Amino acid sequence: MKKLILALIASLIFQFCAFAQLHRNWQDQEQEEYNSPSLNSSSSLDSFFTAYMSTYHVPGIAACILKNDSIFWEGYYGYANITLNTPATDNTIFNLASISKTIMVTALMQLYEKGYFQLEDSINAYLPFPVRTPTHPEVPITFKMLLTHTSSIQDNWNVLSQLYAPGDPTIPLETFLSDYLTPGGQYYSASQNFYSQIPGTYWSYCNVGAALAGYLVESLTSVPFDEYCKDSIFVSLDMSNTAWFLRDLDTSLVAHPYGYWGGAYHDYGLYGYPDYPDGLLRTTLHSLAKFLVMNIKGGESNGIRLLDTSTVRLIRTVHIPIIPPPWNLYQWGLIWMKPLWSDYDIWGHTGYDDGVTTAMFLRESDDTGVILLTNADGDQPYKAAVDRLFDEITVGIEEELNEIPTEFLLSQNYPNPFNPSTKIKYSVPQSANVSIKVFDILGNEIETLVNEEKPAGTYEVTWYAEQLPSGVYFYQLKAGEYRAVKKMILLK
C-alpha cells in the first residue's frame, strides 16, 4: 500500500504552482493566502489541482466551470479508488455531503409552491409525532426555522457518530427522527438534542433539522423522500447515476472516501446513516451540473421548470445576515449559503463528511457556476479552489468584453425561448449613443433597456419579463446609423 501511495503522489506532482491556503478552514477559520497560477488556461488549472492534491493529500477530484448554461471547463484528477487504481472520471459518483441539502430544499419548496404549507406554519401540524424544544414547548418550530438553522434542534454527535455504518442505513428516517426528537425515544436527550434558546432566535447549523425538513416531504406526500426526489427532480433533469442509497447505484463507480494520517491514506468505506436527507446524496459531476444550471436559470432547464423564479429568489434571499463564529463568514438563505470569505458575490453550499469535501456555487451577476467534488477529509483549502475556479471565469469574461469589436452587432438573445428573463448581447466598434428597446408583436413599446452613450466594446443586458404574458417580442438596437431588430419568444 505504501509503495502504491508513493507512486500515486509521484504521478500527481508536475508543474507545481506555489500557493498556500487562502481562506479559512471550515472548522478553525484560520486566514491564509496563496499565489494562484496564471489564469484562463486549462493547463494552469491542471497545475493548480495536481499541486492541490499532492499538498493536501486529496486522492481524487472532479471539478467544473459552468458558463452559458453548459460546462465551460471540466477536470478529473487522481483516483476514485486507490486500492483498485480506479481513476476519477466523468462516470465517477461522488458523495455530495451537505450539498445534498440543496436538493432537499428543492423538493420541499416544490410542495410549498403547490400550497402544501406556508413557511411560518408549525411543523407539528404536518408530523405524526410532536417536536417541541424542552425549554420552550409553547413556541412552535416552523418550516422556515428548519431551513434557516434556527429551530433550536441540536446535532448530538455522541449519537450521530455512532449511527454511521457500512452500506445503506437500516433505521428508517421516521423511526430515527421520532426516537431523536420525542421524549422516551431511544436517542432522545433534552439537553443534548436541543438548545435552550427560544426557537427562531438562535442560529446553529443543524443536520438533524435538515433531515426533518426532508422527512416533511415524505409526511406531506406519503411518498418516501428518496423516491420523491427521483421522480420530481432527478428524472426531470436527466440526472443519471444519482441516488440517496447505494442499492440504487453501481457501487463500482462510487468514489471511496479517504482520510490521510500516519503517512498513508485510509479508506472509510461506503457508509450510510439514518438522517440521510442532510448529506447522503451521491451523483456524478455532470448530473450535479444539470442541477446547478437549473438553479442558475431560475428554476428551469431544457424547457422543464422545477421551481418558479420567485421561489428560487426566496431561497437565495438573505434571511439570516449575522451568524456567530465559526460560521460568521456566511449569510444564510433557505438552506443556501452566501459566503463572505469569497472574492466574489456567490451563493451555494459546501459539504463535509468523513472522506468527503465538496463545494457548489453560482454567481448570479453573470449566470456562472463552479463545482468541486473530492473524496478526502475537510482539512483542505477548498475555499481557495472555489475562488480559483471563479477567477478562471472572470478573466475569460473580462477578456471577451474588453476586446474592441470591429463592427456593430446585435446578437440573438439567450436563452430563447425564455422564462422569465433573457440576456441580450451587443457590440459597438466606436463610441455611440445606444438604444435598445423591446416591443410586442403589435409594435407597442414595452421597455427601454439601454439609452446612453457607450464607448467601443461588447456589452450584455438582461430583460426581465415576469409580469408579461407568453408570446413573441422584438428587441431593437439603435447605435449611430446602425439599426437591427431580432425576435424572441417568452414561453411560460
Protein backbone atom coordinates (compact mmCIF):
# COMPACT_ATOMS: atom_id res chain seq x y z
CA MET A 1 0.00 0.00 0.00
CA LYS A 2 2.78 2.42 0.95
CA LYS A 3 4.54 1.91 -2.41
CA LEU A 4 1.25 2.45 -4.20
CA ILE A 5 0.64 5.71 -2.36
CA LEU A 6 4.15 6.96 -3.14
CA ALA A 7 3.61 6.11 -6.80
CA LEU A 8 0.31 7.96 -6.77
CA ILE A 9 1.83 11.08 -5.26
CA ALA A 10 4.76 10.98 -7.68
CA SER A 11 2.42 10.74 -10.65
CA LEU A 12 0.41 13.73 -9.48
CA ILE A 13 3.33 16.12 -8.86
CA PHE A 14 4.07 18.09 -12.02
CA GLN A 15 4.04 21.78 -12.98
CA PHE A 16 3.84 22.88 -9.34
CA CYS A 17 2.25 26.22 -8.63
CA ALA A 18 3.32 27.94 -5.44
CA PHE A 19 0.37 28.51 -3.17
CA ALA A 20 -0.63 28.27 0.47
CA GLN A 21 -4.09 28.35 1.99
CA LEU A 22 -6.08 31.44 1.01
CA HIS A 23 -9.19 31.13 3.10
CA ARG A 24 -10.24 29.81 6.48
CA ASN A 25 -10.61 26.11 7.11
CA TRP A 26 -14.27 25.29 7.78
CA GLN A 27 -13.51 24.36 11.40
CA ASP A 28 -10.90 26.81 12.69
CA GLN A 29 -11.36 29.61 10.09
CA GLU A 30 -7.64 30.49 10.13
CA GLN A 31 -6.76 33.03 7.44
CA GLU A 32 -4.02 32.03 4.99
CA GLU A 33 -3.03 33.13 1.49
CA TYR A 34 -1.93 31.60 -1.76
CA ASN A 35 -0.48 32.77 -5.05
CA SER A 36 -2.57 31.35 -7.84
CA PRO A 37 -1.03 30.32 -11.17
CA SER A 38 -1.69 32.16 -14.41
CA LEU A 39 -5.34 32.28 -15.36
CA ASN A 40 -7.59 31.34 -18.25
CA SER A 41 -5.99 28.14 -19.47
CA SER A 42 -6.78 24.52 -18.72
CA SER A 43 -3.08 23.81 -18.17
CA SER A 44 -2.94 26.30 -15.32
CA LEU A 45 -5.97 24.67 -13.68
CA ASP A 46 -4.29 21.30 -14.16
CA SER A 47 -1.24 22.63 -12.35
CA PHE A 48 -3.37 24.09 -9.58
CA PHE A 49 -5.33 20.92 -8.89
CA THR A 50 -2.44 18.45 -9.16
CA ALA A 51 -0.43 20.54 -6.70
CA TYR A 52 -3.52 20.96 -4.53
CA MET A 53 -3.98 17.18 -4.37
CA SER A 54 -0.35 16.49 -3.58
CA THR A 55 -0.08 19.16 -0.89
CA TYR A 56 -3.34 18.30 0.89
CA HIS A 57 -3.43 14.54 0.26
CA VAL A 58 -6.59 14.50 -1.83
CA PRO A 59 -6.95 11.17 -3.68
CA GLY A 60 -9.41 12.30 -6.37
CA ILE A 61 -11.07 15.42 -7.72
CA ALA A 62 -13.82 16.23 -10.21
CA ALA A 63 -14.32 19.93 -10.91
CA CYS A 64 -16.08 22.07 -13.47
CA ILE A 65 -16.94 25.60 -14.51
CA LEU A 66 -20.41 26.41 -15.86
CA LYS A 67 -20.96 29.28 -18.28
CA ASN A 68 -23.81 30.00 -20.69
CA ASP A 69 -25.86 27.05 -19.37
CA SER A 70 -23.19 24.46 -20.15
CA ILE A 71 -19.87 23.10 -18.93
CA PHE A 72 -17.16 25.56 -19.97
CA TRP A 73 -14.32 23.56 -18.39
CA GLU A 74 -14.06 20.27 -16.51
CA GLY A 75 -11.19 18.35 -14.98
CA TYR A 76 -10.69 14.95 -13.36
CA TYR A 77 -7.66 14.09 -11.29
CA GLY A 78 -6.36 11.21 -9.23
CA TYR A 79 -8.26 8.20 -8.03
CA ALA A 80 -11.79 7.25 -7.06
CA ASN A 81 -10.48 4.02 -5.56
CA ILE A 82 -6.81 3.82 -4.61
CA THR A 83 -6.80 0.08 -3.92
CA LEU A 84 -8.14 -0.76 -7.37
CA ASN A 85 -6.28 2.06 -9.16
CA THR A 86 -9.65 3.36 -10.40
CA PRO A 87 -9.20 6.87 -11.82
CA ALA A 88 -11.67 9.69 -11.21
CA THR A 89 -13.61 10.28 -14.44
CA ASP A 90 -16.87 11.77 -15.64
CA ASN A 91 -18.53 8.48 -14.64
CA THR A 92 -17.33 8.66 -11.04
CA ILE A 93 -20.13 9.00 -8.49
CA PHE A 94 -19.15 11.26 -5.58
CA ASN A 95 -20.80 11.67 -2.20
CA LEU A 96 -22.05 15.26 -2.01
CA ALA A 97 -22.24 15.53 1.80
CA SER A 98 -24.12 18.72 2.75
CA ILE A 99 -24.62 19.88 -0.83
CA SER A 100 -27.39 17.27 -0.58
CA LYS A 101 -29.38 19.80 1.41
CA THR A 102 -29.87 21.96 -1.69
CA ILE A 103 -31.69 19.06 -3.33
CA MET A 104 -33.74 18.58 -0.16
CA VAL A 105 -34.88 22.21 -0.13
CA THR A 106 -35.78 21.98 -3.83
CA ALA A 107 -38.09 19.06 -3.07
CA LEU A 108 -39.69 20.78 -0.09
CA MET A 109 -40.19 24.09 -1.90
CA GLN A 110 -41.90 22.32 -4.78
CA LEU A 111 -44.58 21.38 -2.25
CA TYR A 112 -44.57 24.95 -0.90
CA GLU A 113 -45.44 26.17 -4.40
CA LYS A 114 -48.31 23.71 -4.57
CA GLY A 115 -49.78 25.11 -1.35
CA TYR A 116 -48.99 22.18 0.94
CA PHE A 117 -47.70 24.53 3.65
CA GLN A 118 -46.53 28.06 4.44
CA LEU A 119 -43.05 28.80 5.70
CA GLU A 120 -44.37 30.16 9.01
CA ASP A 121 -46.54 27.07 9.66
CA SER A 122 -45.79 24.94 12.68
CA ILE A 123 -44.25 21.65 11.53
CA ASN A 124 -46.28 19.81 14.17
CA ALA A 125 -49.39 20.31 12.07
CA TYR A 126 -47.83 18.01 9.45
CA LEU A 127 -45.91 15.43 11.51
CA PRO A 128 -47.11 12.12 13.01
CA PHE A 129 -45.03 12.85 16.14
CA PRO A 130 -44.70 16.17 18.02
CA VAL A 131 -41.42 18.12 18.05
CA ARG A 132 -41.00 20.69 20.82
CA THR A 133 -37.96 22.23 22.47
CA PRO A 134 -37.96 21.11 26.14
CA THR A 135 -37.26 24.62 27.48
CA HIS A 136 -39.86 26.37 25.30
CA PRO A 137 -42.53 23.79 24.38
CA GLU A 138 -45.11 26.52 23.78
CA VAL A 139 -43.12 28.04 20.89
CA PRO A 140 -43.79 26.24 17.58
CA ILE A 141 -40.96 25.22 15.30
CA THR A 142 -41.72 26.36 11.75
CA PHE A 143 -40.64 25.23 8.30
CA LYS A 144 -38.60 28.41 7.92
CA MET A 145 -36.73 27.71 11.16
CA LEU A 146 -35.67 24.30 9.86
CA LEU A 147 -34.48 25.81 6.56
CA THR A 148 -32.56 28.65 8.22
CA HIS A 149 -30.99 26.57 11.03
CA THR A 150 -32.86 28.47 13.74
CA SER A 151 -35.10 25.66 15.08
CA SER A 152 -33.09 25.16 18.32
CA ILE A 153 -32.69 21.49 17.37
CA GLN A 154 -29.11 20.43 18.07
CA ASP A 155 -26.82 17.86 16.43
CA ASN A 156 -25.85 15.46 19.20
CA TRP A 157 -22.70 13.90 17.77
CA ASN A 158 -22.46 11.45 20.65
CA VAL A 159 -25.48 9.85 18.98
CA LEU A 160 -25.00 10.71 15.32
CA SER A 161 -21.41 9.50 15.03
CA GLN A 162 -22.43 6.08 16.36
CA LEU A 163 -25.02 5.66 13.61
CA TYR A 164 -22.53 5.71 10.72
CA ALA A 165 -22.44 2.16 9.37
CA PRO A 166 -21.27 0.31 6.24
CA GLY A 167 -23.75 0.32 3.39
CA ASP A 168 -27.19 1.88 3.42
CA PRO A 169 -28.91 2.97 6.66
CA THR A 170 -31.03 0.27 8.26
CA ILE A 171 -33.01 2.59 10.55
CA PRO A 172 -35.96 4.25 8.75
CA LEU A 173 -35.87 8.05 8.61
CA GLU A 174 -39.15 8.42 10.54
CA THR A 175 -38.02 6.00 13.25
CA PHE A 176 -34.74 7.80 13.77
CA LEU A 177 -36.32 11.26 13.93
CA SER A 178 -39.06 10.14 16.30
CA ASP A 179 -36.52 8.44 18.59
CA TYR A 180 -34.25 11.50 18.48
CA LEU A 181 -36.83 14.27 18.90
CA THR A 182 -39.55 12.89 21.19
CA PRO A 183 -39.28 12.11 24.93
CA GLY A 184 -38.73 8.44 25.62
CA GLY A 185 -37.11 7.84 22.25
CA GLN A 186 -34.00 5.67 22.02
CA TYR A 187 -31.81 8.65 21.05
CA TYR A 188 -33.62 11.39 22.95
CA SER A 189 -31.81 13.83 25.22
CA ALA A 190 -33.46 17.07 26.31
CA SER A 191 -30.13 18.76 26.99
CA GLN A 192 -28.07 17.35 24.10
CA ASN A 193 -30.60 17.26 21.26
CA PHE A 194 -31.97 20.77 21.78
CA TYR A 195 -30.62 24.21 22.61
CA SER A 196 -32.11 26.18 25.46
CA GLN A 197 -32.76 29.26 23.30
CA ILE A 198 -36.22 30.14 22.00
CA PRO A 199 -36.81 28.68 18.51
CA GLY A 200 -36.32 31.32 15.86
CA THR A 201 -33.92 33.41 17.96
CA TYR A 202 -30.71 31.38 17.79
CA TRP A 203 -28.72 30.21 14.75
CA SER A 204 -26.77 26.96 14.76
CA TYR A 205 -26.10 24.73 11.79
CA CYS A 206 -28.17 21.60 12.23
CA ASN A 207 -28.10 18.40 10.17
CA VAL A 208 -30.97 16.79 12.07
CA GLY A 209 -33.14 19.83 11.35
CA ALA A 210 -32.40 19.43 7.64
CA ALA A 211 -33.19 15.73 7.84
CA LEU A 212 -36.50 16.62 9.50
CA ALA A 213 -37.24 19.04 6.65
CA GLY A 214 -36.61 16.19 4.22
CA TYR A 215 -38.90 13.91 6.18
CA LEU A 216 -41.66 16.53 5.90
CA VAL A 217 -41.61 15.90 2.13
CA GLU A 218 -42.35 12.28 2.95
CA SER A 219 -45.01 13.18 5.51
CA LEU A 220 -46.76 15.64 3.20
CA THR A 221 -46.85 13.38 0.13
CA SER A 222 -46.90 9.85 1.63
CA VAL A 223 -44.04 9.10 -0.79
CA PRO A 224 -40.61 8.07 0.57
CA PHE A 225 -38.25 11.02 0.38
CA ASP A 226 -35.75 9.28 -1.89
CA GLU A 227 -38.48 8.25 -4.33
CA TYR A 228 -39.96 11.75 -4.39
CA CYS A 229 -36.58 13.24 -5.30
CA LYS A 230 -36.07 10.69 -8.05
CA ASP A 231 -39.49 11.26 -9.61
CA SER A 232 -39.67 15.05 -9.20
CA ILE A 233 -36.04 16.15 -9.61
CA PHE A 234 -33.59 13.54 -10.90
CA VAL A 235 -35.71 12.19 -13.75
CA SER A 236 -36.84 15.69 -14.76
CA LEU A 237 -33.23 16.90 -15.04
CA ASP A 238 -31.91 13.64 -16.51
CA MET A 239 -29.57 13.26 -13.53
CA SER A 240 -28.33 9.74 -14.20
CA ASN A 241 -26.31 7.82 -11.60
CA THR A 242 -27.90 9.86 -8.82
CA ALA A 243 -29.40 8.31 -5.69
CA TRP A 244 -29.60 8.58 -1.92
CA PHE A 245 -28.88 4.88 -1.37
CA LEU A 246 -26.06 2.62 -2.57
CA ARG A 247 -28.60 -0.05 -3.52
CA ASP A 248 -29.71 2.19 -6.39
CA LEU A 249 -26.19 2.74 -7.77
CA ASP A 250 -23.40 0.79 -9.43
CA THR A 251 -21.06 0.84 -6.43
CA SER A 252 -18.05 0.14 -8.65
CA LEU A 253 -18.45 3.73 -9.88
CA VAL A 254 -18.72 5.28 -6.40
CA ALA A 255 -15.65 7.15 -5.16
CA HIS A 256 -14.34 5.77 -1.88
CA PRO A 257 -13.88 8.35 0.89
CA TYR A 258 -10.40 8.68 2.37
CA GLY A 259 -8.65 10.17 5.34
CA TYR A 260 -4.91 10.73 5.50
CA TRP A 261 -2.85 10.23 8.64
CA GLY A 262 0.33 8.48 9.64
CA GLY A 263 1.71 9.00 6.15
CA ALA A 264 -0.96 6.87 4.48
CA TYR A 265 -4.47 7.00 3.05
CA HIS A 266 -7.25 5.23 4.96
CA ASP A 267 -10.47 4.10 3.27
CA TYR A 268 -13.58 4.91 5.33
CA GLY A 269 -15.61 2.58 3.14
CA LEU A 270 -19.03 3.26 1.63
CA TYR A 271 -21.19 4.19 4.60
CA GLY A 272 -24.65 5.45 5.41
CA TYR A 273 -26.66 6.98 8.28
CA PRO A 274 -30.39 7.30 9.03
CA ASP A 275 -30.61 11.13 8.77
CA TYR A 276 -29.72 10.76 5.10
CA PRO A 277 -31.53 13.81 3.58
CA ASP A 278 -28.94 16.07 5.20
CA GLY A 279 -25.91 14.68 3.37
CA LEU A 280 -26.00 11.27 1.71
CA LEU A 281 -26.81 12.02 -1.94
CA ARG A 282 -24.34 10.60 -4.45
CA THR A 283 -24.05 11.70 -8.08
CA THR A 284 -21.65 12.47 -10.92
CA LEU A 285 -20.18 15.85 -11.77
CA HIS A 286 -22.25 16.07 -14.96
CA SER A 287 -25.52 15.28 -13.17
CA LEU A 288 -24.87 17.81 -10.42
CA ALA A 289 -24.01 20.36 -13.10
CA LYS A 290 -27.53 19.91 -14.52
CA PHE A 291 -28.98 20.71 -11.11
CA LEU A 292 -26.79 23.81 -10.77
CA VAL A 293 -27.74 25.01 -14.26
CA MET A 294 -31.40 24.72 -13.26
CA ASN A 295 -30.70 27.00 -10.30
CA ILE A 296 -28.64 29.41 -12.39
CA LYS A 297 -31.55 29.71 -14.82
CA GLY A 298 -34.04 30.49 -12.08
CA GLY A 299 -35.62 27.07 -11.66
CA GLU A 300 -35.85 25.92 -15.28
CA SER A 301 -33.69 23.75 -17.51
CA ASN A 302 -34.25 22.45 -21.04
CA GLY A 303 -37.86 23.59 -21.01
CA ILE A 304 -38.61 21.84 -17.70
CA ARG A 305 -39.44 24.05 -14.74
CA LEU A 306 -38.80 22.60 -11.29
CA LEU A 307 -39.29 25.81 -9.31
CA ASP A 308 -40.79 29.21 -10.00
CA THR A 309 -38.26 32.02 -10.33
CA SER A 310 -39.84 33.76 -7.35
CA THR A 311 -39.23 30.65 -5.23
CA VAL A 312 -35.60 30.47 -6.32
CA ARG A 313 -35.20 34.11 -5.33
CA LEU A 314 -36.82 33.39 -1.96
CA ILE A 315 -34.37 30.54 -1.39
CA ARG A 316 -31.44 32.80 -2.30
CA THR A 317 -32.55 35.74 -0.15
CA VAL A 318 -30.55 36.56 2.95
CA HIS A 319 -32.81 35.61 5.85
CA ILE A 320 -30.07 35.36 8.49
CA PRO A 321 -27.47 38.11 7.91
CA ILE A 322 -25.42 37.75 11.10
CA ILE A 323 -24.21 34.35 12.34
CA PRO A 324 -21.98 33.57 15.34
CA PRO A 325 -18.46 32.10 14.86
CA PRO A 326 -17.19 29.89 13.38
CA TRP A 327 -19.87 30.31 10.70
CA ASN A 328 -19.74 34.12 10.71
CA LEU A 329 -18.19 34.10 7.25
CA TYR A 330 -21.61 33.23 5.83
CA GLN A 331 -25.06 34.71 5.46
CA TRP A 332 -27.99 32.35 5.17
CA GLY A 333 -30.94 31.95 2.85
CA LEU A 334 -33.21 28.90 2.87
CA ILE A 335 -30.51 26.22 3.20
CA TRP A 336 -28.39 28.01 0.56
CA MET A 337 -25.45 29.97 1.95
CA LYS A 338 -23.85 33.23 0.83
CA PRO A 339 -20.13 33.14 1.74
CA LEU A 340 -18.39 36.31 2.83
CA TRP A 341 -14.98 34.67 2.51
CA SER A 342 -15.10 34.66 -1.29
CA ASP A 343 -13.70 37.34 -3.54
CA TYR A 344 -16.98 37.02 -5.45
CA ASP A 345 -20.69 37.57 -4.77
CA ILE A 346 -21.84 33.95 -4.88
CA TRP A 347 -24.47 31.57 -3.48
CA GLY A 348 -24.26 27.84 -2.92
CA HIS A 349 -23.33 25.21 -0.40
CA THR A 350 -20.33 23.27 0.84
CA GLY A 351 -20.16 19.71 2.06
CA TYR A 352 -18.01 17.92 4.59
CA ASP A 353 -18.16 14.35 5.87
CA ASP A 354 -15.74 11.51 6.59
CA GLY A 355 -13.56 11.43 3.49
CA VAL A 356 -15.71 13.93 1.61
CA THR A 357 -15.23 17.63 0.86
CA THR A 358 -17.37 19.34 -1.76
CA ALA A 359 -18.47 22.79 -2.90
CA MET A 360 -21.09 24.10 -5.34
CA PHE A 361 -21.61 27.82 -6.01
CA LEU A 362 -23.21 30.07 -8.59
CA ARG A 363 -22.69 33.73 -9.40
CA GLU A 364 -25.94 35.50 -10.27
CA SER A 365 -24.30 38.53 -11.93
CA ASP A 366 -23.15 36.55 -14.97
CA ASP A 367 -25.01 33.21 -14.66
CA THR A 368 -21.89 31.17 -14.00
CA GLY A 369 -21.09 28.45 -11.50
CA VAL A 370 -18.43 26.09 -10.20
CA ILE A 371 -18.42 22.63 -8.64
CA LEU A 372 -15.65 20.91 -6.68
CA LEU A 373 -16.02 17.26 -5.64
CA THR A 374 -13.32 15.40 -3.67
CA ASN A 375 -13.05 12.15 -1.77
CA ALA A 376 -10.89 13.49 1.07
CA ASP A 377 -11.33 14.88 4.57
CA GLY A 378 -12.01 18.57 5.08
CA ASP A 379 -8.52 19.70 6.07
CA GLN A 380 -8.01 21.20 2.62
CA PRO A 381 -8.43 24.84 1.47
CA TYR A 382 -11.44 24.18 -0.74
CA LYS A 383 -12.39 27.85 -0.49
CA ALA A 384 -9.21 28.74 -2.35
CA ALA A 385 -10.16 26.23 -5.05
CA VAL A 386 -13.64 27.76 -5.39
CA ASP A 387 -12.25 31.27 -5.89
CA ARG A 388 -9.61 29.87 -8.26
CA LEU A 389 -12.35 28.45 -10.47
CA PHE A 390 -14.26 31.74 -10.42
CA ASP A 391 -11.00 33.54 -11.28
CA GLU A 392 -10.91 31.50 -14.47
CA ILE A 393 -14.42 32.60 -15.44
CA THR A 394 -13.85 36.24 -14.57
CA VAL A 395 -10.67 36.65 -16.58
CA GLY A 396 -12.22 34.93 -19.58
CA ILE A 397 -15.31 37.15 -19.49
CA GLU A 398 -13.28 40.31 -18.97
CA GLU A 399 -11.05 39.47 -21.91
CA GLU A 400 -14.09 38.84 -24.08
CA LEU A 401 -15.86 42.06 -23.05
CA ASN A 402 -12.71 44.20 -23.25
CA GLU A 403 -11.86 43.13 -26.79
CA ILE A 404 -12.69 46.00 -29.17
CA PRO A 405 -15.20 44.80 -31.78
CA THR A 406 -14.75 45.64 -35.47
CA GLU A 407 -18.43 46.12 -36.33
CA PHE A 408 -21.85 46.85 -34.86
CA LEU A 409 -23.59 43.65 -33.84
CA LEU A 410 -26.83 42.64 -32.15
CA SER A 411 -26.74 39.01 -31.06
CA GLN A 412 -29.66 36.64 -30.63
CA ASN A 413 -30.90 36.65 -27.05
CA TYR A 414 -30.22 33.63 -24.87
CA PRO A 415 -31.89 31.57 -23.72
CA ASN A 416 -34.61 31.67 -26.37
CA PRO A 417 -37.40 30.75 -25.76
CA PHE A 418 -37.07 32.03 -22.19
CA ASN A 419 -38.93 32.38 -18.89
CA PRO A 420 -38.82 34.86 -17.26
CA SER A 421 -35.51 36.51 -18.14
CA THR A 422 -33.12 36.56 -21.08
CA LYS A 423 -29.81 38.18 -21.97
CA ILE A 424 -29.09 40.38 -24.98
CA LYS A 425 -25.51 40.90 -26.11
CA TYR A 426 -24.42 43.69 -28.44
CA SER A 427 -21.22 45.26 -29.75
CA VAL A 428 -20.28 48.78 -30.84
CA PRO A 429 -16.92 49.38 -32.62
CA GLN A 430 -16.85 53.08 -31.72
CA SER A 431 -18.41 55.43 -29.21
CA ALA A 432 -22.11 55.86 -29.97
CA ASN A 433 -25.45 56.71 -28.42
CA VAL A 434 -27.00 53.28 -27.91
CA SER A 435 -30.68 52.49 -27.55
CA ILE A 436 -32.22 49.04 -27.01
CA LYS A 437 -35.99 48.82 -26.81
CA VAL A 438 -38.44 45.93 -26.53
CA PHE A 439 -41.71 45.81 -28.50
CA ASP A 440 -44.67 43.46 -28.53
CA ILE A 441 -45.95 41.79 -31.69
CA LEU A 442 -48.22 44.78 -32.40
CA GLY A 443 -45.30 47.20 -32.32
CA ASN A 444 -46.11 48.68 -28.93
CA GLU A 445 -43.03 49.74 -26.99
CA ILE A 446 -42.73 47.65 -23.82
CA GLU A 447 -39.48 48.76 -22.22
CA THR A 448 -36.25 50.64 -22.84
CA LEU A 449 -33.30 48.53 -21.74
CA VAL A 450 -30.46 50.85 -22.75
CA ASN A 451 -30.40 54.54 -23.64
CA GLU A 452 -26.97 56.08 -23.15
CA GLU A 453 -23.61 56.85 -24.72
CA LYS A 454 -21.45 53.74 -24.88
CA PRO A 455 -17.72 53.57 -25.67
CA ALA A 456 -16.48 50.92 -28.06
CA GLY A 457 -16.89 47.45 -26.60
CA THR A 458 -19.12 44.41 -26.14
CA TYR A 459 -21.99 44.56 -23.66
CA GLU A 460 -24.78 42.47 -22.25
CA VAL A 461 -28.14 43.44 -20.79
CA THR A 462 -30.80 41.29 -19.09
CA TRP A 463 -34.51 41.69 -19.74
CA TYR A 464 -36.91 40.53 -17.04
CA ALA A 465 -40.42 39.73 -18.29
CA GLU A 466 -42.05 38.25 -15.20
CA GLN A 467 -45.19 40.39 -15.49
CA LEU A 468 -45.76 39.83 -19.21
CA PRO A 469 -47.74 37.09 -20.96
CA SER A 470 -46.25 34.45 -23.21
CA GLY A 471 -45.76 35.49 -26.79
CA VAL A 472 -43.45 36.88 -29.47
CA TYR A 473 -41.49 40.05 -28.71
CA PHE A 474 -38.94 42.07 -30.63
CA TYR A 475 -35.86 43.98 -29.50
CA GLN A 476 -34.29 46.79 -31.49
CA LEU A 477 -30.78 48.20 -31.34
CA LYS A 478 -30.04 51.74 -32.50
CA ALA A 479 -26.41 52.88 -32.42
CA GLY A 480 -25.47 55.85 -34.57
CA GLU A 481 -26.72 54.98 -38.06
CA TYR A 482 -26.88 51.26 -37.26
CA ARG A 483 -30.27 49.57 -36.84
CA ALA A 484 -31.06 45.92 -36.06
CA VAL A 485 -34.15 44.03 -34.88
CA LYS A 486 -34.43 40.46 -33.61
CA LYS A 487 -37.31 38.27 -32.43
CA MET A 488 -37.55 36.47 -29.09
CA ILE A 489 -40.17 34.21 -27.51
CA LEU A 490 -41.42 34.37 -23.94
CA LEU A 491 -42.79 30.95 -23.04
CA LYS A 492 -44.38 30.47 -19.61
